[in-house]
């Protein structure tokens, strides 16, 4: 039963070390020329601490609201098929426009706002990493984009 699933994994949490953390997310390692064009020679910077973190399934948790938790899990209806999402990742611009419009309409209604702009979506599937535009960073496990 997926509703009762939970697990523990080792995660790296950012530590407030009074520096600006950075991460270069690229599908291939940066070249020496790319590194020379920036102030960062490394691909990641900023102090972290590794901890064993329990991960719980948040589906059907009614207390995970935008106001209480800074995010909210919702079921967003779509007319797209699973395969359509992989086609979006592979570059199908017409499907991306269609899906973005669905998301914008749904989120605007949920938030009660006049305008929403969907800027990006990402398929996350570790089993299809590297296929049809499914980026490696997206398939590696739980993470936040903050």
C-alpha atoms as a PDB file:
ATOM      1  CA  UNK A   1       0.000   0.000   0.000  1.00  0.00           C
ATOM      2  CA  UNK A   2       1.692   3.204  -1.199  1.00  0.00           C
ATOM      3  CA  UNK A   3      -0.130   5.349   1.394  1.00  0.00           C
ATOM      4  CA  UNK A   4       1.793   3.661   4.216  1.00  0.00           C
ATOM      5  CA  UNK A   5       5.214   3.662   2.553  1.00  0.00           C
ATOM      6  CA  UNK A   6       8.152   5.298   4.280  1.00  0.00           C
ATOM      7  CA  UNK A   7      11.908   4.784   4.269  1.00  0.00           C
ATOM      8  CA  UNK A   8      15.087   6.288   5.623  1.00  0.00           C
ATOM      9  CA  UNK A   9      17.846   7.635   3.414  1.00  0.00           C
ATOM     10  CA  UNK A  10      21.066   9.553   3.905  1.00  0.00           C
ATOM     11  CA  UNK A  11      20.713  13.192   2.849  1.00  0.00           C
ATOM     12  CA  UNK A  12      23.058  16.157   2.772  1.00  0.00           C
ATOM     13  CA  UNK A  13      21.570  19.231   4.411  1.00  0.00           C
ATOM     14  CA  UNK A  14      22.967  22.694   3.827  1.00  0.00           C
ATOM     15  CA  UNK A  15      24.554  24.319   6.847  1.00  0.00           C
ATOM     16  CA  UNK A  16      24.449  28.066   7.428  1.00  0.00           C
ATOM     17  CA  UNK A  17      28.173  28.711   7.099  1.00  0.00           C
ATOM     18  CA  UNK A  18      27.660  32.372   6.121  1.00  0.00           C
ATOM     19  CA  UNK A  19      28.620  31.643   2.509  1.00  0.00           C
ATOM     20  CA  UNK A  20      26.549  31.550  -0.659  1.00  0.00           C
ATOM     21  CA  UNK A  21      26.030  27.910  -1.563  1.00  0.00           C
ATOM     22  CA  UNK A  22      26.101  26.940  -5.235  1.00  0.00           C
ATOM     23  CA  UNK A  23      25.541  23.892  -7.417  1.00  0.00           C
ATOM     24  CA  UNK A  24      26.147  23.415 -11.127  1.00  0.00           C
ATOM     25  CA  UNK A  25      23.590  20.837 -12.339  1.00  0.00           C
ATOM     26  CA  UNK A  26      24.849  19.611 -15.679  1.00  0.00           C
ATOM     27  CA  UNK A  27      24.324  16.315 -17.467  1.00  0.00           C
ATOM     28  CA  UNK A  28      28.070  16.140 -18.186  1.00  0.00           C
ATOM     29  CA  UNK A  29      30.991  17.400 -16.088  1.00  0.00           C
ATOM     30  CA  UNK A  30      31.948  21.004 -16.759  1.00  0.00           C
ATOM     31  CA  UNK A  31      35.002  21.511 -18.907  1.00  0.00           C
ATOM     32  CA  UNK A  32      38.072  23.406 -17.759  1.00  0.00           C
ATOM     33  CA  UNK A  33      37.007  26.301 -20.018  1.00  0.00           C
ATOM     34  CA  UNK A  34      33.551  26.378 -18.425  1.00  0.00           C
ATOM     35  CA  UNK A  35      35.103  26.399 -14.956  1.00  0.00           C
ATOM     36  CA  UNK A  36      37.511  29.169 -15.976  1.00  0.00           C
ATOM     37  CA  UNK A  37      34.540  31.283 -17.091  1.00  0.00           C
ATOM     38  CA  UNK A  38      33.137  31.315 -13.533  1.00  0.00           C
ATOM     39  CA  UNK A  39      34.466  32.044 -10.064  1.00  0.00           C
ATOM     40  CA  UNK A  40      33.792  28.413  -9.060  1.00  0.00           C
ATOM     41  CA  UNK A  41      36.267  25.686  -9.890  1.00  0.00           C
ATOM     42  CA  UNK A  42      34.181  23.079  -8.073  1.00  0.00           C
ATOM     43  CA  UNK A  43      30.651  22.079  -9.076  1.00  0.00           C
ATOM     44  CA  UNK A  44      29.300  22.406  -5.536  1.00  0.00           C
ATOM     45  CA  UNK A  45      30.099  24.732  -2.685  1.00  0.00           C
ATOM     46  CA  UNK A  46      28.813  25.324   0.820  1.00  0.00           C
ATOM     47  CA  UNK A  47      28.963  23.352   4.026  1.00  0.00           C
ATOM     48  CA  UNK A  48      26.683  20.353   4.456  1.00  0.00           C
ATOM     49  CA  UNK A  49      26.029  17.748   7.082  1.00  0.00           C
ATOM     50  CA  UNK A  50      24.849  14.215   6.255  1.00  0.00           C
ATOM     51  CA  UNK A  51      21.979  12.829   8.284  1.00  0.00           C
ATOM     52  CA  UNK A  52      19.754   9.777   8.113  1.00  0.00           C
ATOM     53  CA  UNK A  53      16.369  11.258   7.249  1.00  0.00           C
ATOM     54  CA  UNK A  54      13.055   9.429   7.381  1.00  0.00           C
ATOM     55  CA  UNK A  55      10.975  10.024   4.260  1.00  0.00           C
ATOM     56  CA  UNK A  56       7.224   9.679   4.638  1.00  0.00           C
ATOM     57  CA  UNK A  57       4.538   9.491   2.003  1.00  0.00           C
ATOM     58  CA  UNK A  58       2.704  12.827   2.097  1.00  0.00           C
ATOM     59  CA  UNK A  59      -0.197  11.733  -0.086  1.00  0.00           C
ATOM     60  CA  UNK A  60      -3.540  12.137   1.664  1.00  0.00           C
ATOM     61  CA  UNK A  61      -2.010  14.133   4.549  1.00  0.00           C
ATOM     62  CA  UNK A  62      -4.533  16.909   5.032  1.00  0.00           C
ATOM     63  CA  UNK A  63      -2.215  19.028   7.237  1.00  0.00           C
ATOM     64  CA  UNK A  64       0.304  19.577   4.426  1.00  0.00           C
ATOM     65  CA  UNK A  65      -1.127  22.860   3.207  1.00  0.00           C
ATOM     66  CA  UNK A  66       0.616  25.773   1.544  1.00  0.00           C
ATOM     67  CA  UNK A  67       0.007  27.979   4.576  1.00  0.00           C
ATOM     68  CA  UNK A  68       1.138  25.374   7.143  1.00  0.00           C
ATOM     69  CA  UNK A  69       3.971  23.569   5.348  1.00  0.00           C
ATOM     70  CA  UNK A  70       5.026  25.936   2.506  1.00  0.00           C
ATOM     71  CA  UNK A  71       3.963  23.300  -0.025  1.00  0.00           C
ATOM     72  CA  UNK A  72       0.865  21.309  -0.786  1.00  0.00           C
ATOM     73  CA  UNK A  73       0.341  18.015  -2.547  1.00  0.00           C
ATOM     74  CA  UNK A  74      -2.603  18.136  -4.932  1.00  0.00           C
ATOM     75  CA  UNK A  75      -3.918  15.975  -7.719  1.00  0.00           C
ATOM     76  CA  UNK A  76      -3.767  18.073 -10.865  1.00  0.00           C
ATOM     77  CA  UNK A  77      -5.971  16.621 -13.594  1.00  0.00           C
ATOM     78  CA  UNK A  78      -4.434  16.319 -17.055  1.00  0.00           C
ATOM     79  CA  UNK A  79      -5.486  15.151 -20.483  1.00  0.00           C
ATOM     80  CA  UNK A  80      -1.933  14.019 -21.217  1.00  0.00           C
ATOM     81  CA  UNK A  81      -0.809  10.406 -21.187  1.00  0.00           C
ATOM     82  CA  UNK A  82       2.282   9.114 -19.397  1.00  0.00           C
ATOM     83  CA  UNK A  83       4.034   8.878 -22.759  1.00  0.00           C
ATOM     84  CA  UNK A  84       3.173  12.537 -23.452  1.00  0.00           C
ATOM     85  CA  UNK A  85       5.239  13.578 -20.430  1.00  0.00           C
ATOM     86  CA  UNK A  86       8.285  11.754 -21.796  1.00  0.00           C
ATOM     87  CA  UNK A  87       7.665  13.426 -25.160  1.00  0.00           C
ATOM     88  CA  UNK A  88       7.683  16.818 -23.417  1.00  0.00           C
ATOM     89  CA  UNK A  89      11.080  15.971 -21.907  1.00  0.00           C
ATOM     90  CA  UNK A  90      12.293  14.996 -25.384  1.00  0.00           C
ATOM     91  CA  UNK A  91      11.344  18.457 -26.687  1.00  0.00           C
ATOM     92  CA  UNK A  92       7.704  18.340 -27.881  1.00  0.00           C
ATOM     93  CA  UNK A  93       6.904  22.053 -27.543  1.00  0.00           C
ATOM     94  CA  UNK A  94       3.201  21.706 -28.452  1.00  0.00           C
ATOM     95  CA  UNK A  95       2.616  19.211 -25.636  1.00  0.00           C
ATOM     96  CA  UNK A  96       4.574  21.418 -23.228  1.00  0.00           C
ATOM     97  CA  UNK A  97       2.356  24.398 -24.074  1.00  0.00           C
ATOM     98  CA  UNK A  98      -0.768  22.266 -23.565  1.00  0.00           C
ATOM     99  CA  UNK A  99       0.449  20.907 -20.211  1.00  0.00           C
ATOM    100  CA  UNK A 100       1.637  24.308 -18.961  1.00  0.00           C
ATOM    101  CA  UNK A 101      -1.809  25.742 -19.717  1.00  0.00           C
ATOM    102  CA  UNK A 102      -3.441  22.953 -17.688  1.00  0.00           C
ATOM    103  CA  UNK A 103      -1.109  23.592 -14.744  1.00  0.00           C
ATOM    104  CA  UNK A 104      -1.518  27.368 -14.903  1.00  0.00           C
ATOM    105  CA  UNK A 105      -5.317  27.088 -14.871  1.00  0.00           C
ATOM    106  CA  UNK A 106      -5.296  24.594 -11.996  1.00  0.00           C
ATOM    107  CA  UNK A 107      -2.840  26.534  -9.808  1.00  0.00           C
ATOM    108  CA  UNK A 108      -4.558  29.889 -10.445  1.00  0.00           C
ATOM    109  CA  UNK A 109      -7.866  28.385  -9.326  1.00  0.00           C
ATOM    110  CA  UNK A 110      -6.298  26.780  -6.217  1.00  0.00           C
ATOM    111  CA  UNK A 111      -4.522  29.973  -5.175  1.00  0.00           C
ATOM    112  CA  UNK A 112      -7.268  32.352  -6.213  1.00  0.00           C
ATOM    113  CA  UNK A 113      -4.897  34.474  -8.262  1.00  0.00           C
ATOM    114  CA  UNK A 114      -5.246  36.116 -11.653  1.00  0.00           C
ATOM    115  CA  UNK A 115      -2.061  34.936 -13.356  1.00  0.00           C
ATOM    116  CA  UNK A 116       0.221  31.905 -13.057  1.00  0.00           C
ATOM    117  CA  UNK A 117       3.166  31.201 -15.335  1.00  0.00           C
ATOM    118  CA  UNK A 118       4.461  27.645 -15.505  1.00  0.00           C
ATOM    119  CA  UNK A 119       8.142  27.842 -16.419  1.00  0.00           C
ATOM    120  CA  UNK A 120       9.320  24.232 -16.322  1.00  0.00           C
ATOM    121  CA  UNK A 121       8.304  20.656 -15.584  1.00  0.00           C
ATOM    122  CA  UNK A 122      10.505  17.614 -15.095  1.00  0.00           C
ATOM    123  CA  UNK A 123       9.831  13.901 -15.278  1.00  0.00           C
ATOM    124  CA  UNK A 124      11.490  12.160 -12.334  1.00  0.00           C
ATOM    125  CA  UNK A 125      12.071   8.485 -13.002  1.00  0.00           C
ATOM    126  CA  UNK A 126      15.320   6.821 -11.971  1.00  0.00           C
ATOM    127  CA  UNK A 127      14.606   3.864 -14.242  1.00  0.00           C
ATOM    128  CA  UNK A 128      14.581   6.122 -17.329  1.00  0.00           C
ATOM    129  CA  UNK A 129      17.455   8.394 -16.361  1.00  0.00           C
ATOM    130  CA  UNK A 130      19.205   9.680 -19.479  1.00  0.00           C
ATOM    131  CA  UNK A 131      16.352   8.652 -21.809  1.00  0.00           C
ATOM    132  CA  UNK A 132      14.105  11.120 -23.632  1.00  0.00           C
ATOM    133  CA  UNK A 133      15.325  14.115 -21.692  1.00  0.00           C
ATOM    134  CA  UNK A 134      14.955  12.590 -18.209  1.00  0.00           C
ATOM    135  CA  UNK A 135      17.879  14.315 -16.533  1.00  0.00           C
ATOM    136  CA  UNK A 136      20.190  12.363 -14.245  1.00  0.00           C
ATOM    137  CA  UNK A 137      19.740  14.746 -11.332  1.00  0.00           C
ATOM    138  CA  UNK A 138      15.978  14.195 -11.429  1.00  0.00           C
ATOM    139  CA  UNK A 139      16.073  10.435 -11.036  1.00  0.00           C
ATOM    140  CA  UNK A 140      18.439  10.168  -8.122  1.00  0.00           C
ATOM    141  CA  UNK A 141      15.960  10.319  -5.249  1.00  0.00           C
ATOM    142  CA  UNK A 142      14.206  12.806  -3.035  1.00  0.00           C
ATOM    143  CA  UNK A 143      15.418  16.392  -3.138  1.00  0.00           C
ATOM    144  CA  UNK A 144      14.134  19.920  -2.939  1.00  0.00           C
ATOM    145  CA  UNK A 145      14.687  22.765  -5.342  1.00  0.00           C
ATOM    146  CA  UNK A 146      14.993  25.660  -2.941  1.00  0.00           C
END
